[in-house]
């Protein structure tokens, strides 16, 4: 080996740039017999979207604040003689900016592309997927469908997340394509941040309950708006002696969820088709009711009726626990309101903006819970152990919003533990 020259020895080491966070590859999505198989090309397409979604969320979205502050807000002030007061005013003003147009178009198009790829993958093998689900579902008393259940308009008339037909679309007998497509693409639009089983929220809810309510020992748990049971299963695993009920109005999602649960070896979950505006349980017969990202897909009056129903069926000392986007506070900046309302206008989430204006605490109290029993809590994500290599950090389009939320209030700036708050917002109450 040649010795270094004096000149070479004197040179400082070149600092390498830090490894940029990368989303996990699409191949980290956990596989089971009901999940459609991805071809080489479909995997490549999904990997491209994973990186695009993560880049738009972690790198481009934070730049929208500079676009607003340096160009859009001054132009609005010059034209109207005042700053923007409503998120809709920010939206209309931002629509004219080319940088925002590019980001917004890419964000919307990435969602549409995710649906196109996921649906093509699912329908390419729909007969096999439906047959696998049908075999797993046959004769089971854990799948209880009711064709008499009336599908509410806020479900029937919305193509949730830009999926044609939303959660209830059926194209064949015993169809599970809605659930299969959902699982095939959720991993992508979440930037892989919910884990290979798309169950991070359920894991986090279960961990929160065990840590904060160690003596609860629930015997009957109901997951309202459970869809395909992605977050129900880790709750069922965490409480193996409990009767766990995944309740939803969408039959295709429940068929898929039941087959998926059997394929994954989770057997203490009943998948029940019912409308939560009239829960089919006796008063005081449920120990714990959970929801995960349900309320932003529910209209206002049904939301309130469901909360009242949850209060009714819980036993004394029972727990209602919800995960949602946190709501606005009086001092929430108008630009943050705009960024967090974006999905309402462009991602088929029509109740999203209205929900942000409510007080979850007030809504819980109005539904019957005692004020002193209502709580709000920020928690850490709980991921499946060993899900990704240590060099992979999940990043997605909500990261910038979480940072805004976690640092927006004056009280946070004065609170030395504020920076330790997790990104997940829970609200709930003990009855």
Protein backbone atom coordinates (compact mmCIF):
# COMPACT_ATOMS: atom_id res chain seq x y z
CA UNK A 1 0.00 0.00 0.00
CA UNK A 2 1.43 3.38 -0.97
CA UNK A 3 2.06 5.86 1.81
CA UNK A 4 0.01 9.05 1.76
CA UNK A 5 1.81 12.23 0.79
CA UNK A 6 2.09 15.03 3.31
CA UNK A 7 -0.46 16.97 1.25
CA UNK A 8 -2.94 14.11 1.27
CA UNK A 9 -2.50 13.49 4.99
CA UNK A 10 -3.22 17.12 5.74
CA UNK A 11 -6.58 17.15 3.95
CA UNK A 12 -9.68 16.92 6.17
CA UNK A 13 -11.93 13.93 5.63
CA UNK A 14 -14.80 14.64 3.26
CA UNK A 15 -18.05 14.66 5.19
CA UNK A 16 -20.57 12.36 3.60
CA UNK A 17 -24.16 13.60 3.51
CA UNK A 18 -26.45 11.88 5.97
CA UNK A 19 -28.45 9.03 4.53
CA UNK A 20 -31.82 10.43 3.52
CA UNK A 21 -34.76 8.58 5.03
CA UNK A 22 -36.14 6.03 2.64
CA UNK A 23 -39.53 4.32 2.66
CA UNK A 24 -39.54 0.54 2.95
CA UNK A 25 -39.80 -1.35 -0.31
CA UNK A 26 -43.15 -2.73 -1.42
CA UNK A 27 -41.80 -6.23 -0.84
CA UNK A 28 -42.03 -5.57 2.93
CA UNK A 29 -45.83 -5.77 2.68
CA UNK A 30 -46.75 -8.94 4.58
CA UNK A 31 -48.12 -11.66 2.33
CA UNK A 32 -51.00 -14.07 2.91
CA UNK A 33 -53.17 -16.18 0.61
CA UNK A 34 -55.94 -13.60 0.13
CA UNK A 35 -53.67 -10.71 -0.79
CA UNK A 36 -53.24 -10.27 -4.57
CA UNK A 37 -49.77 -11.19 -5.82
CA UNK A 38 -47.75 -8.38 -7.37
CA UNK A 39 -45.90 -8.97 -10.60
CA UNK A 40 -42.40 -7.63 -11.21
CA UNK A 41 -43.79 -4.57 -13.02
CA UNK A 42 -46.51 -3.93 -10.38
CA UNK A 43 -43.90 -4.10 -7.64
CA UNK A 44 -41.73 -1.60 -9.52
CA UNK A 45 -44.71 0.72 -9.98
CA UNK A 46 -45.59 0.53 -6.30
CA UNK A 47 -41.97 1.19 -5.31
CA UNK A 48 -41.93 4.25 -7.54
CA UNK A 49 -45.11 5.52 -5.86
CA UNK A 50 -43.72 4.77 -2.39
CA UNK A 51 -40.75 7.01 -3.07
CA UNK A 52 -42.85 9.68 -4.79
CA UNK A 53 -45.36 9.85 -1.94
CA UNK A 54 -42.58 9.99 0.65
CA UNK A 55 -40.68 12.66 -1.27
CA UNK A 56 -43.80 14.79 -1.71
CA UNK A 57 -44.57 14.51 2.00
CA UNK A 58 -41.15 14.89 3.57
CA UNK A 59 -39.41 17.20 1.09
CA UNK A 60 -41.94 19.11 -1.00
CA UNK A 61 -44.90 19.64 1.34
CA UNK A 62 -42.85 21.61 3.92
CA UNK A 63 -41.90 24.06 1.15
CA UNK A 64 -45.54 25.06 0.68
CA UNK A 65 -45.26 27.27 3.76
CA UNK A 66 -42.58 29.36 2.03
CA UNK A 67 -44.72 29.57 -1.11
CA UNK A 68 -47.57 30.92 0.99
CA UNK A 69 -45.54 33.29 3.16
CA UNK A 70 -43.36 34.76 0.42
CA UNK A 71 -45.75 34.99 -2.51
CA UNK A 72 -49.35 33.99 -1.93
CA UNK A 73 -50.03 35.78 1.36
CA UNK A 74 -48.49 39.11 0.25
CA UNK A 75 -50.48 38.99 -2.99
CA UNK A 76 -53.69 38.29 -1.08
CA UNK A 77 -52.93 41.15 1.32
CA UNK A 78 -52.30 43.54 -1.56
CA UNK A 79 -55.56 42.55 -3.24
CA UNK A 80 -57.86 42.39 -0.21
CA UNK A 81 -56.20 44.63 2.35
CA UNK A 82 -56.20 41.86 4.97
CA UNK A 83 -54.67 38.41 5.52
CA UNK A 84 -56.47 35.15 4.77
CA UNK A 85 -58.96 34.25 7.49
CA UNK A 86 -60.24 30.86 6.35
CA UNK A 87 -58.49 27.76 5.04
CA UNK A 88 -60.71 27.96 1.95
CA UNK A 89 -59.31 31.42 1.23
CA UNK A 90 -55.78 30.03 1.42
CA UNK A 91 -56.84 27.21 -0.89
CA UNK A 92 -58.26 29.56 -3.53
CA UNK A 93 -55.21 31.82 -3.36
CA UNK A 94 -52.71 28.95 -3.51
CA UNK A 95 -54.43 27.48 -6.57
CA UNK A 96 -52.89 30.19 -8.72
CA UNK A 97 -49.29 29.42 -7.69
CA UNK A 98 -47.36 27.12 -10.07
CA UNK A 99 -45.24 25.47 -7.37
CA UNK A 100 -48.32 24.61 -5.34
CA UNK A 101 -50.10 23.44 -8.50
CA UNK A 102 -47.25 21.02 -9.16
CA UNK A 103 -47.20 19.61 -5.63
CA UNK A 104 -50.99 19.32 -5.39
CA UNK A 105 -51.30 17.69 -8.81
CA UNK A 106 -48.59 15.15 -8.00
CA UNK A 107 -50.16 14.39 -4.63
CA UNK A 108 -53.59 13.83 -6.18
CA UNK A 109 -52.18 11.90 -9.13
CA UNK A 110 -50.17 9.63 -6.84
CA UNK A 111 -53.41 8.69 -5.07
CA UNK A 112 -55.16 8.00 -8.35
CA UNK A 113 -52.17 5.98 -9.61
CA UNK A 114 -52.18 3.94 -6.40
CA UNK A 115 -55.83 3.05 -7.08
CA UNK A 116 -55.18 2.22 -10.73
CA UNK A 117 -52.26 -0.09 -9.95
CA UNK A 118 -53.96 -1.73 -6.95
CA UNK A 119 -57.22 -2.30 -8.79
CA UNK A 120 -55.46 -3.66 -11.87
CA UNK A 121 -53.47 -6.02 -9.67
CA UNK A 122 -56.61 -7.14 -7.84
CA UNK A 123 -58.86 -7.57 -10.86
CA UNK A 124 -56.15 -9.42 -12.80
CA UNK A 125 -56.55 -12.27 -10.30
CA UNK A 126 -59.96 -11.54 -8.81
CA UNK A 127 -61.34 -15.03 -9.39
CA UNK A 128 -58.45 -16.58 -7.47
CA UNK A 129 -58.61 -13.97 -4.68
CA UNK A 130 -62.37 -14.39 -4.26
CA UNK A 131 -62.05 -18.18 -4.34
CA UNK A 132 -59.38 -18.12 -1.61
CA UNK A 133 -61.53 -15.86 0.55
CA UNK A 134 -64.65 -17.94 -0.10
CA UNK A 135 -62.88 -21.12 1.03
CA UNK A 136 -61.69 -19.48 4.25
CA UNK A 137 -65.08 -17.91 4.97
CA UNK A 138 -67.22 -20.96 4.25
CA UNK A 139 -69.28 -22.19 7.21
CA UNK A 140 -67.68 -19.82 9.72
CA UNK A 141 -69.74 -18.37 12.56
CA UNK A 142 -67.19 -15.54 12.81
CA UNK A 143 -68.50 -13.81 9.66
CA UNK A 144 -71.96 -12.35 10.15
CA UNK A 145 -73.29 -10.45 7.15
CA UNK A 146 -76.73 -8.88 7.00
CA UNK A 147 -78.03 -7.83 3.57
CA UNK A 148 -80.75 -5.83 5.31
CA UNK A 149 -78.21 -3.34 6.68
CA UNK A 150 -78.86 -0.02 4.99
CA UNK A 151 -75.69 1.59 3.68
CA UNK A 152 -75.64 5.25 4.79
CA UNK A 153 -75.25 7.94 2.14
CA UNK A 154 -71.92 9.16 3.52
CA UNK A 155 -70.54 5.71 2.65
CA UNK A 156 -72.56 4.84 -0.43
CA UNK A 157 -72.02 8.14 -2.23
CA UNK A 158 -68.29 8.66 -1.60
CA UNK A 159 -65.38 7.15 -3.52
CA UNK A 160 -63.17 7.09 -0.44
CA UNK A 161 -59.52 7.83 -1.15
CA UNK A 162 -60.40 8.07 -4.86
CA UNK A 163 -61.31 4.36 -5.04
CA UNK A 164 -64.24 3.96 -7.48
CA UNK A 165 -67.16 2.63 -5.46
CA UNK A 166 -65.42 3.17 -2.17
CA UNK A 167 -65.57 0.47 0.48
CA UNK A 168 -68.81 -1.14 -0.66
CA UNK A 169 -68.12 -1.82 -4.35
CA UNK A 170 -68.86 -5.39 -5.42
CA UNK A 171 -68.17 -6.86 -8.87
CA UNK A 172 -68.79 -10.58 -8.33
CA UNK A 173 -70.43 -13.01 -5.97
CA UNK A 174 -68.79 -12.98 -2.51
CA UNK A 175 -66.52 -10.20 -3.74
CA UNK A 176 -63.57 -9.09 -1.59
CA UNK A 177 -61.91 -6.79 -4.13
CA UNK A 178 -62.51 -3.63 -2.07
CA UNK A 179 -60.54 -5.07 0.83
CA UNK A 180 -57.86 -6.60 -1.39
CA UNK A 181 -57.31 -3.33 -3.22
CA UNK A 182 -57.24 -1.39 0.05
CA UNK A 183 -54.50 -3.55 1.55
CA UNK A 184 -52.56 -3.67 -1.72
CA UNK A 185 -52.22 0.11 -1.82
CA UNK A 186 -52.51 1.41 1.74
CA UNK A 187 -48.87 0.49 2.36
CA UNK A 188 -47.93 2.82 -0.50
CA UNK A 189 -49.94 5.95 0.34
CA UNK A 190 -48.86 5.63 3.99
CA UNK A 191 -45.23 5.54 2.89
CA UNK A 192 -44.94 2.19 4.62
CA UNK A 193 -45.37 3.96 7.96
CA UNK A 194 -48.12 1.65 9.22
CA UNK A 195 -45.99 -1.47 8.84
CA UNK A 196 -46.02 -4.58 6.70
CA UNK A 197 -49.42 -5.61 8.05
CA UNK A 198 -50.87 -2.07 7.89
CA UNK A 199 -51.61 -2.44 11.59
CA UNK A 200 -49.57 0.25 13.32
CA UNK A 201 -52.66 2.04 14.66
CA UNK A 202 -54.08 -1.14 16.17
CA UNK A 203 -50.74 -2.00 17.75
CA UNK A 204 -50.50 1.52 19.15
CA UNK A 205 -54.05 1.47 20.51
CA UNK A 206 -53.45 -1.85 22.25
CA UNK A 207 -50.15 -0.69 23.73
CA UNK A 208 -51.77 2.52 24.98
CA UNK A 209 -54.57 0.59 26.71
CA UNK A 210 -52.16 -1.82 28.40
CA UNK A 211 -49.94 1.04 29.60
CA UNK A 212 -52.60 3.48 30.73
CA UNK A 213 -55.38 1.12 31.85
CA UNK A 214 -53.58 -2.01 33.08
CA UNK A 215 -56.55 -3.15 35.18
CA UNK A 216 -59.17 -2.85 32.46
CA UNK A 217 -59.00 -6.53 31.38
CA UNK A 218 -61.63 -6.21 28.62
CA UNK A 219 -63.72 -9.28 27.87
CA UNK A 220 -65.67 -7.81 24.94
CA UNK A 221 -64.06 -5.33 22.55
CA UNK A 222 -65.79 -3.68 19.60
CA UNK A 223 -63.86 -2.00 16.78
CA UNK A 224 -66.35 0.36 15.13
CA UNK A 225 -65.74 1.07 11.45
CA UNK A 226 -63.19 -1.73 11.35
CA UNK A 227 -63.23 -2.22 7.58
CA UNK A 228 -60.98 -5.17 6.80
CA UNK A 229 -59.87 -5.51 10.43
CA UNK A 230 -56.32 -4.33 9.81
CA UNK A 231 -56.21 -2.65 13.20
CA UNK A 232 -58.58 -5.12 14.86
CA UNK A 233 -56.19 -8.05 14.60
CA UNK A 234 -53.35 -6.63 16.73
CA UNK A 235 -55.93 -5.68 19.37
CA UNK A 236 -57.24 -9.25 19.30
CA UNK A 237 -53.69 -10.58 19.63
CA UNK A 238 -53.01 -8.23 22.55
CA UNK A 239 -56.18 -9.43 24.33
CA UNK A 240 -56.39 -13.12 23.35
CA UNK A 241 -59.05 -13.98 25.93
CA UNK A 242 -61.42 -11.26 24.77
CA UNK A 243 -64.32 -11.54 22.37
CA UNK A 244 -63.35 -9.05 19.68
CA UNK A 245 -65.90 -7.73 17.17
CA UNK A 246 -64.93 -5.94 13.95
CA UNK A 247 -68.05 -3.97 13.00
CA UNK A 248 -68.63 -2.25 9.67
CA UNK A 249 -71.35 -1.64 7.07
CA UNK A 250 -69.23 -2.77 4.09
CA UNK A 251 -69.68 -6.47 3.30
CA UNK A 252 -66.70 -6.74 0.90
CA UNK A 253 -64.35 -5.39 3.55
CA UNK A 254 -65.73 -7.77 6.19
CA UNK A 255 -65.44 -10.79 3.90
CA UNK A 256 -61.86 -9.89 3.15
CA UNK A 257 -61.07 -9.14 6.79
CA UNK A 258 -62.45 -12.46 8.04
CA UNK A 259 -60.57 -14.47 5.41
CA UNK A 260 -57.42 -12.48 6.13
CA UNK A 261 -57.74 -13.09 9.89
CA UNK A 262 -58.04 -16.85 9.36
CA UNK A 263 -55.11 -16.83 6.94
CA UNK A 264 -53.02 -14.99 9.52
CA UNK A 265 -54.03 -17.29 12.38
CA UNK A 266 -56.15 -14.87 14.42
CA UNK A 267 -59.34 -16.62 15.51
CA UNK A 268 -60.94 -14.50 18.26
CA UNK A 269 -62.47 -11.87 15.97
CA UNK A 270 -66.06 -11.83 14.74
CA UNK A 271 -66.68 -9.73 11.63
CA UNK A 272 -70.15 -8.21 11.96
CA UNK A 273 -72.07 -6.17 9.40
CA UNK A 274 -74.03 -3.49 11.23
CA UNK A 275 -74.57 0.25 11.32
CA UNK A 276 -72.98 1.81 14.41
CA UNK A 277 -75.78 4.39 14.56
CA UNK A 278 -77.69 1.56 16.23
CA UNK A 279 -75.19 -0.81 17.81
CA UNK A 280 -76.60 -4.35 18.18
CA UNK A 281 -75.46 -4.85 21.77
CA UNK A 282 -77.26 -4.66 25.09
CA UNK A 283 -76.62 -1.52 27.18
CA UNK A 284 -73.59 -1.95 29.42
CA UNK A 285 -72.45 -5.16 27.67
CA UNK A 286 -69.17 -3.96 26.12
CA UNK A 287 -65.89 -3.37 27.95
CA UNK A 288 -64.03 -1.39 25.29
CA UNK A 289 -64.93 0.36 22.03
CA UNK A 290 -62.19 1.57 19.70
CA UNK A 291 -62.14 3.49 16.43
CA UNK A 292 -59.19 4.20 14.14
CA UNK A 293 -59.50 6.95 11.53
CA UNK A 294 -63.27 6.47 11.32
CA UNK A 295 -64.71 9.85 12.17
CA UNK A 296 -63.28 11.81 9.25
CA UNK A 297 -65.27 9.47 6.99
CA UNK A 298 -68.52 9.98 8.89
CA UNK A 299 -71.04 12.79 8.53
CA UNK A 300 -71.74 15.04 11.53
CA UNK A 301 -75.14 13.76 12.69
CA UNK A 302 -74.19 10.06 12.38
CA UNK A 303 -70.91 10.79 14.20
CA UNK A 304 -72.86 12.14 17.16
CA UNK A 305 -75.36 9.30 17.11
CA UNK A 306 -72.51 6.77 17.09
CA UNK A 307 -70.81 8.40 20.07
CA UNK A 308 -74.09 8.22 22.00
CA UNK A 309 -74.42 4.56 21.03
CA UNK A 310 -70.88 3.85 22.20
CA UNK A 311 -71.66 5.43 25.55
CA UNK A 312 -74.85 3.37 25.79
CA UNK A 313 -73.30 -0.06 25.19
CA UNK A 314 -70.24 0.47 27.41
CA UNK A 315 -70.35 -0.93 30.91
CA UNK A 316 -69.57 1.25 33.90
CA UNK A 317 -65.80 1.63 33.90
CA UNK A 318 -65.61 0.70 30.21
CA UNK A 319 -63.30 2.52 27.81
CA UNK A 320 -64.01 4.42 24.61
CA UNK A 321 -60.76 5.08 22.70
CA UNK A 322 -60.42 6.83 19.35
CA UNK A 323 -57.57 7.64 17.01
CA UNK A 324 -58.09 10.59 14.66
CA UNK A 325 -56.53 13.69 13.20
CA UNK A 326 -56.44 16.25 16.03
CA UNK A 327 -58.82 19.15 15.67
CA UNK A 328 -58.08 22.82 15.26
CA UNK A 329 -57.58 25.07 18.24
CA UNK A 330 -58.47 28.78 18.34
CA UNK A 331 -54.85 29.71 17.65
CA UNK A 332 -54.22 27.15 14.89
CA UNK A 333 -52.67 29.19 12.03
CA UNK A 334 -54.79 29.53 8.93
CA UNK A 335 -52.07 27.98 6.73
CA UNK A 336 -51.96 24.87 8.92
CA UNK A 337 -55.74 24.66 8.64
CA UNK A 338 -55.43 24.75 4.88
CA UNK A 339 -52.77 22.03 4.73
CA UNK A 340 -54.74 19.73 7.00
CA UNK A 341 -58.01 20.36 5.13
CA UNK A 342 -56.42 19.41 1.80
CA UNK A 343 -57.80 15.85 1.81
CA UNK A 344 -61.35 17.16 2.18
CA UNK A 345 -61.17 18.90 -1.18
CA UNK A 346 -58.90 16.63 -3.19
CA UNK A 347 -58.91 13.13 -1.67
CA UNK A 348 -62.63 12.33 -1.37
CA UNK A 349 -62.79 12.99 2.37
CA UNK A 350 -65.82 15.34 2.49
CA UNK A 351 -66.23 15.40 6.29
CA UNK A 352 -62.55 16.03 7.02
CA UNK A 353 -62.72 19.83 7.15
CA UNK A 354 -65.88 19.95 9.28
CA UNK A 355 -64.45 17.44 11.74
CA UNK A 356 -61.41 19.66 12.29
CA UNK A 357 -63.63 22.46 13.60
CA UNK A 358 -65.20 20.36 16.35
CA UNK A 359 -64.04 19.82 19.92
CA UNK A 360 -63.72 16.11 20.57
CA UNK A 361 -63.87 16.78 24.28
CA UNK A 362 -67.19 18.61 23.93
CA UNK A 363 -68.54 15.91 21.63
CA UNK A 364 -67.69 13.17 24.15
CA UNK A 365 -69.36 15.10 26.96
CA UNK A 366 -72.44 15.76 24.84
CA UNK A 367 -72.73 12.03 24.15
CA UNK A 368 -72.96 11.29 27.87
CA UNK A 369 -69.42 10.91 29.20
CA UNK A 370 -68.52 12.81 32.35
CA UNK A 371 -66.17 15.79 31.79
CA UNK A 372 -63.60 14.51 34.28
CA UNK A 373 -63.48 11.15 32.50
CA UNK A 374 -62.65 12.55 29.05
CA UNK A 375 -58.99 12.61 27.99
CA UNK A 376 -56.77 13.56 25.07
CA UNK A 377 -53.33 12.01 24.65
CA UNK A 378 -50.39 12.01 22.24
CA UNK A 379 -48.74 8.62 21.91
CA UNK A 380 -45.82 7.00 20.15
CA UNK A 381 -46.19 4.71 17.16
CA UNK A 382 -45.81 1.02 17.93
CA UNK A 383 -44.51 -0.89 14.92
CA UNK A 384 -44.18 -4.60 14.37
CA UNK A 385 -40.74 -5.57 15.72
CA UNK A 386 -38.11 -6.10 13.06
CA UNK A 387 -40.34 -4.80 10.28
CA UNK A 388 -37.64 -2.92 8.37
CA UNK A 389 -33.86 -2.68 8.23
CA UNK A 390 -32.58 -0.11 10.70
CA UNK A 391 -31.49 2.25 7.92
CA UNK A 392 -35.06 2.67 6.74
CA UNK A 393 -37.08 5.42 8.35
CA UNK A 394 -40.76 5.52 7.37
CA UNK A 395 -41.71 8.94 6.03
CA UNK A 396 -45.02 9.97 4.53
CA UNK A 397 -47.13 12.93 3.57
CA UNK A 398 -48.41 13.52 7.10
CA UNK A 399 -45.00 14.05 8.68
CA UNK A 400 -44.96 17.78 7.95
CA UNK A 401 -48.47 18.12 9.40
CA UNK A 402 -47.48 16.24 12.56
CA UNK A 403 -44.62 18.68 13.09
CA UNK A 404 -46.96 21.62 12.70
CA UNK A 405 -49.46 20.10 15.11
CA UNK A 406 -46.88 19.21 17.75
CA UNK A 407 -45.29 22.66 17.87
CA UNK A 408 -48.13 25.08 17.18
CA UNK A 409 -49.36 26.12 20.66
CA UNK A 410 -47.60 28.53 23.04
CA UNK A 411 -48.01 26.06 25.88
CA UNK A 412 -45.97 23.52 23.94
CA UNK A 413 -43.09 25.97 23.59
CA UNK A 414 -43.02 26.35 27.37
CA UNK A 415 -43.34 22.61 28.00
CA UNK A 416 -39.95 20.83 28.15
CA UNK A 417 -41.59 17.47 27.38
CA UNK A 418 -43.51 18.73 24.34
CA UNK A 419 -40.81 17.55 21.94
CA UNK A 420 -41.25 14.02 23.29
CA UNK A 421 -44.89 13.84 22.30
CA UNK A 422 -45.64 11.09 19.86
CA UNK A 423 -47.33 11.68 16.51
CA UNK A 424 -50.55 9.81 17.32
CA UNK A 425 -53.53 11.66 18.78
CA UNK A 426 -55.97 9.66 20.91
CA UNK A 427 -59.11 10.90 22.59
CA UNK A 428 -61.57 8.99 24.69
CA UNK A 429 -63.17 8.49 28.06
CA UNK A 430 -63.93 6.00 30.78
CA UNK A 431 -67.63 5.58 31.44
